[in-house]
Amino acid sequence: MARNRDPILAVLRRALPPTGIVLEIASGTGEHAVYFASAFPGLTWQPSDQDELALRSIAAHRAISGLANLRPPIRLDAAAPEWPVGQADAMVAINMVHISPWRSTQGLMAGAGRVLQPGGVLYLYGAYREAGAHTAPSNAAFDRDLRRRNPEWGVRDLEEVVELGQANGLSLAERIPMPANNLSVIFRK
């Protein structure tokens, strides 16, 4: 978490709106939620996850932080056809696309199309293949490890994710190389 948060923060500073609601998908432990909510006092940060242990961890981190702009976590399965959120000005999904089944990415993009307001931002962070190839040997090894742990996981083709976005009213605004052969990918509705 700590090794990627500052490079992500630098991108979020220019990608997120100054005010509004940010829905974080697959918040995991909640450490990112606390860090980013503290960096953006004008934004209301809504963490979410589908895992009960993650929800408890997020709630504990939130309680310790005392941040007024960090909402209690909500249970949200990105693959579900309906979400417990009506609208958001931005969405953030860090290390979710490759560590979940493809149907979760499909649901993420469909949900972003439903929930984001016009002009809204979807920010994705993680490893991607481009033009059908891994961008580094370390990403190929990471992909093999992910698929060994769960055959439904894996480093995705960025072009397929972009196509999903377009099918849901999102256009690719920016692709930003990040440390450790990762990418920040920004979509706009």
C-alpha atoms as a PDB file:
ATOM      1  CA  MET A   1       0.000   0.000   0.000  1.00  0.00           C
ATOM      2  CA  ALA A   2       2.620   2.540   1.043  1.00  0.00           C
ATOM      3  CA  ARG A   3       4.820   2.001  -2.010  1.00  0.00           C
ATOM      4  CA  ASN A   4       2.189   3.047  -4.532  1.00  0.00           C
ATOM      5  CA  ARG A   5       0.104   5.607  -2.670  1.00  0.00           C
ATOM      6  CA  ASP A   6       2.194   8.716  -3.363  1.00  0.00           C
ATOM      7  CA  PRO A   7       2.468   8.167  -7.138  1.00  0.00           C
ATOM      8  CA  ILE A   8      -1.282   7.454  -7.209  1.00  0.00           C
ATOM      9  CA  LEU A   9      -1.965  10.572  -5.135  1.00  0.00           C
ATOM     10  CA  ALA A  10      -0.032  12.698  -7.637  1.00  0.00           C
ATOM     11  CA  VAL A  11      -2.286  11.483 -10.450  1.00  0.00           C
ATOM     12  CA  LEU A  12      -5.479  11.781  -8.385  1.00  0.00           C
ATOM     13  CA  ARG A  13      -4.617  15.398  -7.523  1.00  0.00           C
ATOM     14  CA  ARG A  14      -5.071  16.343 -11.160  1.00  0.00           C
ATOM     15  CA  ALA A  15      -7.784  13.822 -12.084  1.00  0.00           C
ATOM     16  CA  LEU A  16     -10.359  14.163  -9.294  1.00  0.00           C
ATOM     17  CA  PRO A  17     -12.803  17.031  -8.989  1.00  0.00           C
ATOM     18  CA  PRO A  18     -12.265  19.514  -6.123  1.00  0.00           C
ATOM     19  CA  THR A  19     -15.562  18.573  -4.452  1.00  0.00           C
ATOM     20  CA  GLY A  20     -18.103  15.763  -4.627  1.00  0.00           C
ATOM     21  CA  ILE A  21     -18.344  12.077  -3.810  1.00  0.00           C
ATOM     22  CA  VAL A  22     -15.633   9.553  -4.637  1.00  0.00           C
ATOM     23  CA  LEU A  23     -16.729   5.923  -4.623  1.00  0.00           C
ATOM     24  CA  GLU A  24     -13.787   3.612  -4.010  1.00  0.00           C
ATOM     25  CA  ILE A  25     -14.412   0.098  -5.299  1.00  0.00           C
ATOM     26  CA  ALA A  26     -12.685  -2.857  -3.578  1.00  0.00           C
ATOM     27  CA  SER A  27     -11.172  -0.747  -0.812  1.00  0.00           C
ATOM     28  CA  GLY A  28      -9.473  -3.756   0.796  1.00  0.00           C
ATOM     29  CA  THR A  29      -7.934  -2.876   4.153  1.00  0.00           C
ATOM     30  CA  GLY A  30      -9.085   0.747   4.035  1.00  0.00           C
ATOM     31  CA  GLU A  31      -5.579   2.202   4.187  1.00  0.00           C
ATOM     32  CA  HIS A  32      -5.931   3.859   0.775  1.00  0.00           C
ATOM     33  CA  ALA A  33      -9.323   5.266   1.761  1.00  0.00           C
ATOM     34  CA  VAL A  34      -7.874   6.957   4.855  1.00  0.00           C
ATOM     35  CA  TYR A  35      -4.812   8.239   3.018  1.00  0.00           C
ATOM     36  CA  PHE A  36      -6.727   9.699   0.092  1.00  0.00           C
ATOM     37  CA  ALA A  37      -9.624  11.068   2.149  1.00  0.00           C
ATOM     38  CA  SER A  38      -7.092  12.938   4.289  1.00  0.00           C
ATOM     39  CA  ALA A  39      -5.444  14.349   1.147  1.00  0.00           C
ATOM     40  CA  PHE A  40      -8.783  15.560  -0.312  1.00  0.00           C
ATOM     41  CA  PRO A  41     -10.752  17.311   2.437  1.00  0.00           C
ATOM     42  CA  GLY A  42     -13.159  18.773  -0.157  1.00  0.00           C
ATOM     43  CA  LEU A  43     -14.195  15.312  -1.317  1.00  0.00           C
ATOM     44  CA  THR A  44     -16.426  12.822   0.463  1.00  0.00           C
ATOM     45  CA  TRP A  45     -14.767   9.410   0.227  1.00  0.00           C
ATOM     46  CA  GLN A  46     -17.061   6.360   0.111  1.00  0.00           C
ATOM     47  CA  PRO A  47     -15.130   3.104   0.603  1.00  0.00           C
ATOM     48  CA  SER A  48     -16.656  -0.220  -0.395  1.00  0.00           C
ATOM     49  CA  ASP A  49     -15.837  -3.904  -0.581  1.00  0.00           C
ATOM     50  CA  GLN A  50     -17.708  -7.182  -0.861  1.00  0.00           C
ATOM     51  CA  ASP A  51     -15.609  -9.012   1.748  1.00  0.00           C
ATOM     52  CA  GLU A  52     -16.719  -8.918   5.386  1.00  0.00           C
ATOM     53  CA  LEU A  53     -13.165  -8.896   6.765  1.00  0.00           C
ATOM     54  CA  ALA A  54     -12.279  -5.988   4.483  1.00  0.00           C
ATOM     55  CA  LEU A  55     -15.366  -4.071   5.599  1.00  0.00           C
ATOM     56  CA  ARG A  56     -14.357  -4.510   9.244  1.00  0.00           C
ATOM     57  CA  SER A  57     -10.795  -3.414   8.491  1.00  0.00           C
ATOM     58  CA  ILE A  58     -12.017  -0.328   6.625  1.00  0.00           C
ATOM     59  CA  ALA A  59     -14.328   0.552   9.523  1.00  0.00           C
ATOM     60  CA  ALA A  60     -11.456   0.207  12.007  1.00  0.00           C
ATOM     61  CA  HIS A  61      -9.119   2.400   9.931  1.00  0.00           C
ATOM     62  CA  ARG A  62     -11.912   4.940   9.539  1.00  0.00           C
ATOM     63  CA  ALA A  63     -12.572   5.029  13.302  1.00  0.00           C
ATOM     64  CA  ILE A  64      -8.897   5.592  14.085  1.00  0.00           C
ATOM     65  CA  SER A  65      -8.594   8.316  11.431  1.00  0.00           C
ATOM     66  CA  GLY A  66     -11.477  10.431  12.712  1.00  0.00           C
ATOM     67  CA  LEU A  67     -11.890  11.894   9.210  1.00  0.00           C
ATOM     68  CA  ALA A  68     -15.231  13.641   8.752  1.00  0.00           C
ATOM     69  CA  ASN A  69     -15.126  13.195   4.950  1.00  0.00           C
ATOM     70  CA  LEU A  70     -14.637   9.412   5.120  1.00  0.00           C
ATOM     71  CA  ARG A  71     -17.962   7.574   5.132  1.00  0.00           C
ATOM     72  CA  PRO A  72     -18.563   4.176   6.730  1.00  0.00           C
ATOM     73  CA  PRO A  73     -17.804   1.354   4.283  1.00  0.00           C
ATOM     74  CA  ILE A  74     -20.590  -0.227   2.274  1.00  0.00           C
ATOM     75  CA  ARG A  75     -20.884  -3.758   0.939  1.00  0.00           C
ATOM     76  CA  LEU A  76     -20.610  -3.584  -2.830  1.00  0.00           C
ATOM     77  CA  ASP A  77     -20.019  -6.400  -5.305  1.00  0.00           C
ATOM     78  CA  ALA A  78     -18.740  -4.737  -8.481  1.00  0.00           C
ATOM     79  CA  ALA A  79     -20.186  -7.590 -10.577  1.00  0.00           C
ATOM     80  CA  ALA A  80     -23.719  -7.047  -9.241  1.00  0.00           C
ATOM     81  CA  PRO A  81     -26.257  -5.489 -11.625  1.00  0.00           C
ATOM     82  CA  GLU A  82     -27.362  -3.027  -8.937  1.00  0.00           C
ATOM     83  CA  TRP A  83     -25.215  -1.142  -6.471  1.00  0.00           C
ATOM     84  CA  PRO A  84     -26.144   0.488  -3.137  1.00  0.00           C
ATOM     85  CA  VAL A  85     -24.945   3.850  -4.520  1.00  0.00           C
ATOM     86  CA  GLY A  86     -27.066   6.114  -6.696  1.00  0.00           C
ATOM     87  CA  GLN A  87     -24.432   8.520  -7.946  1.00  0.00           C
ATOM     88  CA  ALA A  88     -20.822   9.604  -7.612  1.00  0.00           C
ATOM     89  CA  ASP A  89     -18.632  12.317  -9.083  1.00  0.00           C
ATOM     90  CA  ALA A  90     -15.631   9.999  -9.311  1.00  0.00           C
ATOM     91  CA  MET A  91     -14.761   6.342  -8.839  1.00  0.00           C
ATOM     92  CA  VAL A  92     -11.430   4.808  -7.876  1.00  0.00           C
ATOM     93  CA  ALA A  93     -10.436   1.139  -8.218  1.00  0.00           C
ATOM     94  CA  ILE A  94      -6.864   0.320  -7.204  1.00  0.00           C
ATOM     95  CA  ASN A  95      -5.490  -3.168  -7.930  1.00  0.00           C
ATOM     96  CA  MET A  96      -8.973  -4.540  -8.523  1.00  0.00           C
ATOM     97  CA  VAL A  97      -9.132  -5.343 -12.227  1.00  0.00           C
ATOM     98  CA  HIS A  98      -6.418  -8.019 -12.161  1.00  0.00           C
ATOM     99  CA  ILE A  99      -7.268  -9.449  -8.731  1.00  0.00           C
ATOM    100  CA  SER A 100     -10.870 -10.342  -9.533  1.00  0.00           C
ATOM    101  CA  PRO A 101     -12.805 -12.283 -12.165  1.00  0.00           C
ATOM    102  CA  TRP A 102     -13.411 -10.604 -15.529  1.00  0.00           C
ATOM    103  CA  ARG A 103     -17.131 -10.320 -14.662  1.00  0.00           C
ATOM    104  CA  SER A 104     -16.119  -7.918 -11.877  1.00  0.00           C
ATOM    105  CA  THR A 105     -14.412  -5.631 -14.416  1.00  0.00           C
ATOM    106  CA  GLN A 106     -17.497  -5.879 -16.617  1.00  0.00           C
ATOM    107  CA  GLY A 107     -19.633  -4.911 -13.631  1.00  0.00           C
ATOM    108  CA  LEU A 108     -17.242  -2.122 -12.659  1.00  0.00           C
ATOM    109  CA  MET A 109     -17.513  -0.503 -16.073  1.00  0.00           C
ATOM    110  CA  ALA A 110     -21.296  -0.963 -16.230  1.00  0.00           C
ATOM    111  CA  GLY A 111     -21.616   0.465 -12.707  1.00  0.00           C
ATOM    112  CA  ALA A 112     -19.441   3.446 -13.603  1.00  0.00           C
ATOM    113  CA  GLY A 113     -21.696   4.087 -16.582  1.00  0.00           C
ATOM    114  CA  ARG A 114     -24.743   4.086 -14.284  1.00  0.00           C
ATOM    115  CA  VAL A 115     -23.351   5.870 -11.211  1.00  0.00           C
ATOM    116  CA  LEU A 116     -20.978   8.522 -12.527  1.00  0.00           C
ATOM    117  CA  GLN A 117     -22.364  11.954 -13.238  1.00  0.00           C
ATOM    118  CA  PRO A 118     -21.685  13.517 -16.661  1.00  0.00           C
ATOM    119  CA  GLY A 119     -18.022  14.526 -16.687  1.00  0.00           C
ATOM    120  CA  GLY A 120     -17.309  12.056 -13.884  1.00  0.00           C
ATOM    121  CA  VAL A 121     -13.957  10.309 -13.572  1.00  0.00           C
ATOM    122  CA  LEU A 122     -13.146   6.616 -13.279  1.00  0.00           C
ATOM    123  CA  TYR A 123      -9.570   6.007 -12.098  1.00  0.00           C
ATOM    124  CA  LEU A 124      -8.015   2.543 -12.411  1.00  0.00           C
ATOM    125  CA  TYR A 125      -4.575   1.509 -11.186  1.00  0.00           C
ATOM    126  CA  GLY A 126      -2.716  -1.705 -11.803  1.00  0.00           C
ATOM    127  CA  ALA A 127      -0.828  -3.889 -14.248  1.00  0.00           C
ATOM    128  CA  TYR A 128      -2.132  -4.269 -17.809  1.00  0.00           C
ATOM    129  CA  ARG A 129      -1.127  -5.986 -21.030  1.00  0.00           C
ATOM    130  CA  GLU A 130      -1.012  -3.756 -24.084  1.00  0.00           C
ATOM    131  CA  ALA A 131      -1.452  -4.955 -27.659  1.00  0.00           C
ATOM    132  CA  GLY A 132      -1.792  -8.466 -26.230  1.00  0.00           C
ATOM    133  CA  ALA A 133       1.639  -8.445 -24.594  1.00  0.00           C
ATOM    134  CA  HIS A 134       2.927  -7.907 -21.075  1.00  0.00           C
ATOM    135  CA  THR A 135       4.727  -4.602 -20.608  1.00  0.00           C
ATOM    136  CA  ALA A 136       7.518  -6.186 -18.551  1.00  0.00           C
ATOM    137  CA  PRO A 137       8.778  -9.665 -17.581  1.00  0.00           C
ATOM    138  CA  SER A 138       7.767  -8.925 -13.981  1.00  0.00           C
ATOM    139  CA  ASN A 139       4.167  -8.412 -15.114  1.00  0.00           C
ATOM    140  CA  ALA A 140       4.213 -11.751 -16.964  1.00  0.00           C
ATOM    141  CA  ALA A 141       5.422 -13.464 -13.776  1.00  0.00           C
ATOM    142  CA  PHE A 142       2.796 -11.604 -11.741  1.00  0.00           C
ATOM    143  CA  ASP A 143       0.089 -12.725 -14.193  1.00  0.00           C
ATOM    144  CA  ARG A 144       1.199 -16.374 -13.898  1.00  0.00           C
ATOM    145  CA  ASP A 145       1.120 -16.106 -10.103  1.00  0.00           C
ATOM    146  CA  LEU A 146      -2.342 -14.536 -10.092  1.00  0.00           C
ATOM    147  CA  ARG A 147      -3.751 -17.218 -12.418  1.00  0.00           C
ATOM    148  CA  ARG A 148      -2.117 -19.948 -10.305  1.00  0.00           C
ATOM    149  CA  ARG A 149      -3.897 -18.586  -7.224  1.00  0.00           C
ATOM    150  CA  ASN A 150      -7.208 -18.176  -9.048  1.00  0.00           C
ATOM    151  CA  PRO A 151      -7.730 -19.035 -12.746  1.00  0.00           C
ATOM    152  CA  GLU A 152     -10.329 -16.225 -13.009  1.00  0.00           C
ATOM    153  CA  TRP A 153      -7.764 -13.569 -12.062  1.00  0.00           C
ATOM    154  CA  GLY A 154      -5.039 -12.117 -14.245  1.00  0.00           C
ATOM    155  CA  VAL A 155      -3.455  -9.092 -15.862  1.00  0.00           C
ATOM    156  CA  ARG A 156      -6.013  -7.781 -18.380  1.00  0.00           C
ATOM    157  CA  ASP A 157      -5.622  -6.340 -21.858  1.00  0.00           C
ATOM    158  CA  LEU A 158      -5.995  -2.576 -21.565  1.00  0.00           C
ATOM    159  CA  GLU A 159      -7.711  -2.472 -24.967  1.00  0.00           C
ATOM    160  CA  GLU A 160     -10.473  -4.794 -23.711  1.00  0.00           C
ATOM    161  CA  VAL A 161     -10.995  -2.641 -20.618  1.00  0.00           C
ATOM    162  CA  VAL A 162     -11.184   0.475 -22.833  1.00  0.00           C
ATOM    163  CA  GLU A 163     -13.777  -1.259 -25.058  1.00  0.00           C
ATOM    164  CA  LEU A 164     -15.858  -2.094 -21.964  1.00  0.00           C
ATOM    165  CA  GLY A 165     -15.650   1.530 -20.905  1.00  0.00           C
ATOM    166  CA  GLN A 166     -16.770   2.772 -24.308  1.00  0.00           C
ATOM    167  CA  ALA A 167     -19.709   0.352 -24.282  1.00  0.00           C
ATOM    168  CA  ASN A 168     -20.782   1.978 -20.994  1.00  0.00           C
ATOM    169  CA  GLY A 169     -20.425   5.629 -21.998  1.00  0.00           C
ATOM    170  CA  LEU A 170     -16.854   6.107 -20.736  1.00  0.00           C
ATOM    171  CA  SER A 171     -13.982   7.348 -22.843  1.00  0.00           C
ATOM    172  CA  LEU A 172     -10.302   6.852 -22.172  1.00  0.00           C
ATOM    173  CA  ALA A 173      -8.912  10.233 -21.146  1.00  0.00           C
ATOM    174  CA  GLU A 174      -5.385   9.304 -20.122  1.00  0.00           C
ATOM    175  CA  ARG A 175      -2.943   6.415 -19.723  1.00  0.00           C
ATOM    176  CA  ILE A 176      -0.106   7.212 -17.337  1.00  0.00           C
ATOM    177  CA  PRO A 177       2.929   4.968 -16.775  1.00  0.00           C
ATOM    178  CA  MET A 178       3.561   4.377 -13.069  1.00  0.00           C
ATOM    179  CA  PRO A 179       6.341   2.792 -10.990  1.00  0.00           C
ATOM    180  CA  ALA A 180       6.760  -0.995 -10.992  1.00  0.00           C
ATOM    181  CA  ASN A 181       5.336  -1.372 -14.537  1.00  0.00           C
ATOM    182  CA  ASN A 182       1.824  -0.353 -13.501  1.00  0.00           C
ATOM    183  CA  LEU A 183      -0.538   2.098 -15.170  1.00  0.00           C
ATOM    184  CA  SER A 184      -2.961   4.752 -14.062  1.00  0.00           C
ATOM    185  CA  VAL A 185      -5.900   4.716 -16.457  1.00  0.00           C
ATOM    186  CA  ILE A 186      -8.398   7.580 -16.397  1.00  0.00           C
ATOM    187  CA  PHE A 187     -11.830   7.433 -18.020  1.00  0.00           C
ATOM    188  CA  ARG A 188     -14.383  10.218 -18.288  1.00  0.00           C
ATOM    189  CA  LYS A 189     -18.115   9.903 -18.686  1.00  0.00           C
END
